[in-house]
Amino acid sequence: MEIKRITHTDDHLYEEAATLYGMSFPPHEQREPHSQDRIMKHDSYHFDTVCDDGRFVGEILYWDMDGFFYIEHFCVSPELRNRHYGQRILAEYDKTPLILEIDPPVDELSIRRKGFYERCGFVENPYRHVHPPYHAGNEGHELVVMSTHRAMTQTEYDSFKNYLDSVVMKNAY
């Protein structure tokens, strides 16, 4: 697998990655295009595309924070799912503790998603978590925070939440 960091929207892989992003996440969980363009220039933000033998497989969009990576968005092309690409991609980043958010496990799809992340070494954290809105006029939405290998301490969670609010979501719309 080849991992390539994209730092601007005119990269030849960006259009394919943006299409996958648009179909993988509901609109309320997506950044607006101008916000995506702006954060790609941030030193801590990584828009990484993943290819296998020249074929676009997926993307992992994350923030390199002090002591951990916060995965803001992660997806694999639908036609390539269930081929272990998701596990292989996450394993490439598991040298640093990982944090991500998922929908509460209340239906078949969200339960399966949680199981996938647990098989990849993530554990659920006990903190009530509301992700800030990506769009003006929207409300935040409740998500479950997961982290690799162990639950986060309250101090670690507070640090993550502060970074999310003050850096990740700064000027989101």
C-alpha atoms as a PDB file:
ATOM      1  CA  MET A   1       0.000   0.000   0.000  1.00  0.00           C
ATOM      2  CA  GLU A   2       1.137   3.509  -0.761  1.00  0.00           C
ATOM      3  CA  ILE A   3       0.115   6.356   1.521  1.00  0.00           C
ATOM      4  CA  LYS A   4       0.268   9.890   0.158  1.00  0.00           C
ATOM      5  CA  ARG A   5      -0.425  13.076   2.069  1.00  0.00           C
ATOM      6  CA  ILE A   6      -2.377  15.632   0.059  1.00  0.00           C
ATOM      7  CA  THR A   7      -1.822  19.261   0.982  1.00  0.00           C
ATOM      8  CA  HIS A   8      -3.927  21.045  -1.645  1.00  0.00           C
ATOM      9  CA  THR A   9      -7.160  20.436  -3.521  1.00  0.00           C
ATOM     10  CA  ASP A  10      -5.563  20.475  -6.964  1.00  0.00           C
ATOM     11  CA  ASP A  11      -3.710  17.208  -6.280  1.00  0.00           C
ATOM     12  CA  HIS A  12      -4.727  14.579  -8.852  1.00  0.00           C
ATOM     13  CA  LEU A  13      -6.066  12.224  -6.123  1.00  0.00           C
ATOM     14  CA  TYR A  14      -8.154  14.853  -4.369  1.00  0.00           C
ATOM     15  CA  GLU A  15     -11.201  14.622  -6.641  1.00  0.00           C
ATOM     16  CA  GLU A  16     -11.495  10.850  -6.177  1.00  0.00           C
ATOM     17  CA  ALA A  17     -10.921  11.214  -2.430  1.00  0.00           C
ATOM     18  CA  ALA A  18     -13.518  13.991  -2.173  1.00  0.00           C
ATOM     19  CA  THR A  19     -16.077  11.832  -4.006  1.00  0.00           C
ATOM     20  CA  LEU A  20     -15.511   8.943  -1.579  1.00  0.00           C
ATOM     21  CA  TYR A  21     -15.708  11.342   1.364  1.00  0.00           C
ATOM     22  CA  GLY A  22     -19.008  12.743   0.095  1.00  0.00           C
ATOM     23  CA  MET A  23     -20.627   9.334  -0.203  1.00  0.00           C
ATOM     24  CA  SER A  24     -19.174   7.886   3.014  1.00  0.00           C
ATOM     25  CA  PHE A  25     -20.413  10.456   5.529  1.00  0.00           C
ATOM     26  CA  PRO A  26     -23.791  12.112   6.044  1.00  0.00           C
ATOM     27  CA  PRO A  27     -23.776  15.809   5.118  1.00  0.00           C
ATOM     28  CA  HIS A  28     -23.883  16.985   8.751  1.00  0.00           C
ATOM     29  CA  GLU A  29     -20.586  15.118   9.388  1.00  0.00           C
ATOM     30  CA  GLN A  30     -18.743  16.618   6.405  1.00  0.00           C
ATOM     31  CA  ARG A  31     -16.637  19.738   6.257  1.00  0.00           C
ATOM     32  CA  GLU A  32     -17.657  22.406   3.816  1.00  0.00           C
ATOM     33  CA  PRO A  33     -15.251  22.545   0.820  1.00  0.00           C
ATOM     34  CA  HIS A  34     -13.704  25.895   1.810  1.00  0.00           C
ATOM     35  CA  SER A  35     -13.087  24.553   5.332  1.00  0.00           C
ATOM     36  CA  GLN A  36     -11.420  21.417   3.926  1.00  0.00           C
ATOM     37  CA  ASP A  37      -9.226  23.519   1.665  1.00  0.00           C
ATOM     38  CA  ARG A  38      -8.199  25.761   4.562  1.00  0.00           C
ATOM     39  CA  ILE A  39      -7.256  22.990   6.998  1.00  0.00           C
ATOM     40  CA  MET A  40      -5.179  21.102   4.439  1.00  0.00           C
ATOM     41  CA  LYS A  41      -2.559  23.795   4.968  1.00  0.00           C
ATOM     42  CA  HIS A  42      -2.476  23.224   8.755  1.00  0.00           C
ATOM     43  CA  ASP A  43       0.769  21.530   9.853  1.00  0.00           C
ATOM     44  CA  SER A  44      -1.026  19.097  12.179  1.00  0.00           C
ATOM     45  CA  TYR A  45      -3.679  18.021   9.677  1.00  0.00           C
ATOM     46  CA  HIS A  46      -3.096  15.073   7.378  1.00  0.00           C
ATOM     47  CA  PHE A  47      -5.274  14.262   4.380  1.00  0.00           C
ATOM     48  CA  ASP A  48      -3.777  10.896   3.481  1.00  0.00           C
ATOM     49  CA  THR A  49      -4.880   8.883   0.475  1.00  0.00           C
ATOM     50  CA  VAL A  50      -4.195   5.171   0.261  1.00  0.00           C
ATOM     51  CA  CYS A  51      -3.541   3.289  -2.963  1.00  0.00           C
ATOM     52  CA  ASP A  52      -2.740  -0.357  -3.615  1.00  0.00           C
ATOM     53  CA  ASP A  53      -0.912  -1.174  -6.855  1.00  0.00           C
ATOM     54  CA  GLY A  54      -1.904   2.256  -8.168  1.00  0.00           C
ATOM     55  CA  ARG A  55      -5.603   1.813  -7.347  1.00  0.00           C
ATOM     56  CA  PHE A  56      -7.248   4.295  -4.972  1.00  0.00           C
ATOM     57  CA  VAL A  57      -8.393   2.366  -1.893  1.00  0.00           C
ATOM     58  CA  GLY A  58      -9.434   4.975   0.651  1.00  0.00           C
ATOM     59  CA  GLU A  59      -8.436   7.854   2.858  1.00  0.00           C
ATOM     60  CA  ILE A  60      -7.646   8.678   6.441  1.00  0.00           C
ATOM     61  CA  LEU A  61      -7.968  12.297   7.534  1.00  0.00           C
ATOM     62  CA  TYR A  62      -6.389  12.927  10.911  1.00  0.00           C
ATOM     63  CA  TRP A  63      -4.794  15.450  13.250  1.00  0.00           C
ATOM     64  CA  ASP A  64      -1.332  14.830  14.689  1.00  0.00           C
ATOM     65  CA  MET A  65      -1.927  15.994  18.245  1.00  0.00           C
ATOM     66  CA  ASP A  66       0.454  15.940  21.167  1.00  0.00           C
ATOM     67  CA  GLY A  67       0.725  12.250  22.005  1.00  0.00           C
ATOM     68  CA  PHE A  68      -2.015  10.828  19.757  1.00  0.00           C
ATOM     69  CA  PHE A  69      -3.641  10.957  16.329  1.00  0.00           C
ATOM     70  CA  TYR A  70      -7.271  12.048  16.135  1.00  0.00           C
ATOM     71  CA  ILE A  71      -8.906  10.419  13.109  1.00  0.00           C
ATOM     72  CA  GLU A  72     -11.523  12.889  11.935  1.00  0.00           C
ATOM     73  CA  HIS A  73     -12.631  10.861   8.881  1.00  0.00           C
ATOM     74  CA  PHE A  74     -11.685   7.389   7.634  1.00  0.00           C
ATOM     75  CA  CYS A  75     -13.181   5.443   4.751  1.00  0.00           C
ATOM     76  CA  VAL A  76     -12.467   2.694   2.250  1.00  0.00           C
ATOM     77  CA  SER A  77     -14.018   2.517  -1.226  1.00  0.00           C
ATOM     78  CA  PRO A  78     -17.273   0.526  -0.994  1.00  0.00           C
ATOM     79  CA  GLU A  79     -16.226  -1.993  -3.654  1.00  0.00           C
ATOM     80  CA  LEU A  80     -13.056  -2.765  -1.674  1.00  0.00           C
ATOM     81  CA  ARG A  81     -14.615  -3.199   1.770  1.00  0.00           C
ATOM     82  CA  ASN A  82     -14.370  -6.586   3.509  1.00  0.00           C
ATOM     83  CA  ARG A  83     -10.909  -7.140   2.025  1.00  0.00           C
ATOM     84  CA  HIS A  84      -9.040  -6.087   5.190  1.00  0.00           C
ATOM     85  CA  TYR A  85      -7.961  -2.725   3.796  1.00  0.00           C
ATOM     86  CA  GLY A  86      -9.450  -0.903   6.778  1.00  0.00           C
ATOM     87  CA  GLN A  87      -7.490  -3.015   9.244  1.00  0.00           C
ATOM     88  CA  ARG A  88      -4.303  -2.698   7.219  1.00  0.00           C
ATOM     89  CA  ILE A  89      -4.623   1.084   6.947  1.00  0.00           C
ATOM     90  CA  LEU A  90      -5.261   1.533  10.670  1.00  0.00           C
ATOM     91  CA  ALA A  91      -2.286  -0.724  11.460  1.00  0.00           C
ATOM     92  CA  GLU A  92      -0.039   1.700   9.525  1.00  0.00           C
ATOM     93  CA  TYR A  93      -0.978   4.472  11.982  1.00  0.00           C
ATOM     94  CA  ASP A  94      -1.040   2.478  15.207  1.00  0.00           C
ATOM     95  CA  LYS A  95       2.463   3.492  16.291  1.00  0.00           C
ATOM     96  CA  THR A  96       0.818   6.435  18.069  1.00  0.00           C
ATOM     97  CA  PRO A  97      -2.369   6.085  20.148  1.00  0.00           C
ATOM     98  CA  LEU A  98      -5.415   6.689  17.957  1.00  0.00           C
ATOM     99  CA  ILE A  99      -8.697   8.384  18.813  1.00  0.00           C
ATOM    100  CA  LEU A 100     -11.840   8.446  16.703  1.00  0.00           C
ATOM    101  CA  GLU A 101     -15.581   8.921  17.072  1.00  0.00           C
ATOM    102  CA  ILE A 102     -18.422   6.672  15.923  1.00  0.00           C
ATOM    103  CA  ASP A 103     -22.185   6.867  15.984  1.00  0.00           C
ATOM    104  CA  PRO A 104     -23.699   5.274  19.093  1.00  0.00           C
ATOM    105  CA  PRO A 105     -24.184   1.533  18.401  1.00  0.00           C
ATOM    106  CA  VAL A 106     -27.972   1.427  18.094  1.00  0.00           C
ATOM    107  CA  ASP A 107     -28.615  -0.304  14.743  1.00  0.00           C
ATOM    108  CA  GLU A 108     -27.027  -3.118  12.756  1.00  0.00           C
ATOM    109  CA  LEU A 109     -24.627  -0.887  10.811  1.00  0.00           C
ATOM    110  CA  SER A 110     -23.398   1.105  13.823  1.00  0.00           C
ATOM    111  CA  ILE A 111     -23.003  -2.101  15.869  1.00  0.00           C
ATOM    112  CA  ARG A 112     -20.959  -3.683  13.062  1.00  0.00           C
ATOM    113  CA  ARG A 113     -18.820  -0.523  12.793  1.00  0.00           C
ATOM    114  CA  LYS A 114     -18.078  -0.593  16.525  1.00  0.00           C
ATOM    115  CA  GLY A 115     -17.156  -4.297  16.266  1.00  0.00           C
ATOM    116  CA  PHE A 116     -14.767  -3.524  13.407  1.00  0.00           C
ATOM    117  CA  TYR A 117     -12.940  -0.917  15.463  1.00  0.00           C
ATOM    118  CA  GLU A 118     -12.814  -3.218  18.491  1.00  0.00           C
ATOM    119  CA  ARG A 119     -11.207  -5.921  16.328  1.00  0.00           C
ATOM    120  CA  CYS A 120      -8.649  -3.261  15.328  1.00  0.00           C
ATOM    121  CA  GLY A 121      -7.728  -2.656  18.985  1.00  0.00           C
ATOM    122  CA  PHE A 122     -10.035   0.251  19.876  1.00  0.00           C
ATOM    123  CA  VAL A 123     -11.953   0.477  23.140  1.00  0.00           C
ATOM    124  CA  GLU A 124     -14.973   2.610  23.992  1.00  0.00           C
ATOM    125  CA  ASN A 125     -14.461   5.528  26.348  1.00  0.00           C
ATOM    126  CA  PRO A 126     -17.028   6.280  29.064  1.00  0.00           C
ATOM    127  CA  TYR A 127     -17.315  10.034  28.476  1.00  0.00           C
ATOM    128  CA  ARG A 128     -20.475  11.660  27.132  1.00  0.00           C
ATOM    129  CA  HIS A 129     -19.306  13.346  23.941  1.00  0.00           C
ATOM    130  CA  VAL A 130     -20.983  15.823  21.614  1.00  0.00           C
ATOM    131  CA  HIS A 131     -19.109  16.654  18.425  1.00  0.00           C
ATOM    132  CA  PRO A 132     -19.421  20.350  17.448  1.00  0.00           C
ATOM    133  CA  PRO A 133     -21.363  21.121  14.247  1.00  0.00           C
ATOM    134  CA  TYR A 134     -19.651  21.370  10.875  1.00  0.00           C
ATOM    135  CA  HIS A 135     -22.281  23.768   9.492  1.00  0.00           C
ATOM    136  CA  ALA A 136     -23.789  27.033  10.708  1.00  0.00           C
ATOM    137  CA  GLY A 137     -27.277  26.492  12.066  1.00  0.00           C
ATOM    138  CA  ASN A 138     -26.659  22.838  12.940  1.00  0.00           C
ATOM    139  CA  GLU A 139     -26.401  21.425  16.436  1.00  0.00           C
ATOM    140  CA  GLY A 140     -23.633  19.160  17.663  1.00  0.00           C
ATOM    141  CA  HIS A 141     -24.265  15.425  17.562  1.00  0.00           C
ATOM    142  CA  GLU A 142     -23.592  12.787  20.170  1.00  0.00           C
ATOM    143  CA  LEU A 143     -20.859  10.304  19.316  1.00  0.00           C
ATOM    144  CA  VAL A 144     -18.895   7.573  21.083  1.00  0.00           C
ATOM    145  CA  VAL A 145     -15.164   8.223  21.522  1.00  0.00           C
ATOM    146  CA  MET A 146     -12.915   5.212  20.959  1.00  0.00           C
ATOM    147  CA  SER A 147      -9.172   4.958  21.510  1.00  0.00           C
ATOM    148  CA  THR A 148      -6.602   2.290  20.828  1.00  0.00           C
ATOM    149  CA  HIS A 149      -5.496  -0.220  23.432  1.00  0.00           C
ATOM    150  CA  ARG A 150      -7.062   1.378  26.510  1.00  0.00           C
ATOM    151  CA  ALA A 151      -9.626   3.877  27.631  1.00  0.00           C
ATOM    152  CA  MET A 152      -8.469   7.459  27.950  1.00  0.00           C
ATOM    153  CA  THR A 153      -8.081   9.078  31.330  1.00  0.00           C
ATOM    154  CA  GLN A 154     -10.313  12.042  32.147  1.00  0.00           C
ATOM    155  CA  THR A 155      -7.313  14.347  31.633  1.00  0.00           C
ATOM    156  CA  GLU A 156      -6.581  12.835  28.207  1.00  0.00           C
ATOM    157  CA  TYR A 157     -10.223  13.116  27.189  1.00  0.00           C
ATOM    158  CA  ASP A 158     -10.384  16.738  28.365  1.00  0.00           C
ATOM    159  CA  SER A 159      -7.230  17.513  26.352  1.00  0.00           C
ATOM    160  CA  PHE A 160      -8.719  15.863  23.264  1.00  0.00           C
ATOM    161  CA  LYS A 161     -12.038  17.704  23.644  1.00  0.00           C
ATOM    162  CA  ASN A 162     -10.239  21.025  24.081  1.00  0.00           C
ATOM    163  CA  TYR A 163      -8.164  20.401  20.921  1.00  0.00           C
ATOM    164  CA  LEU A 164     -11.271  19.354  19.014  1.00  0.00           C
ATOM    165  CA  ASP A 165     -13.123  22.513  20.009  1.00  0.00           C
ATOM    166  CA  SER A 166     -10.269  25.018  19.703  1.00  0.00           C
ATOM    167  CA  VAL A 167      -8.217  23.684  16.771  1.00  0.00           C
ATOM    168  CA  VAL A 168     -10.022  21.020  14.722  1.00  0.00           C
ATOM    169  CA  MET A 169     -13.354  22.805  14.605  1.00  0.00           C
ATOM    170  CA  LYS A 170     -11.991  26.353  14.576  1.00  0.00           C
ATOM    171  CA  ASN A 171     -13.541  28.107  11.576  1.00  0.00           C
ATOM    172  CA  ALA A 172     -15.281  24.916  10.478  1.00  0.00           C
ATOM    173  CA  TYR A 173     -17.866  26.997   8.639  1.00  0.00           C
END
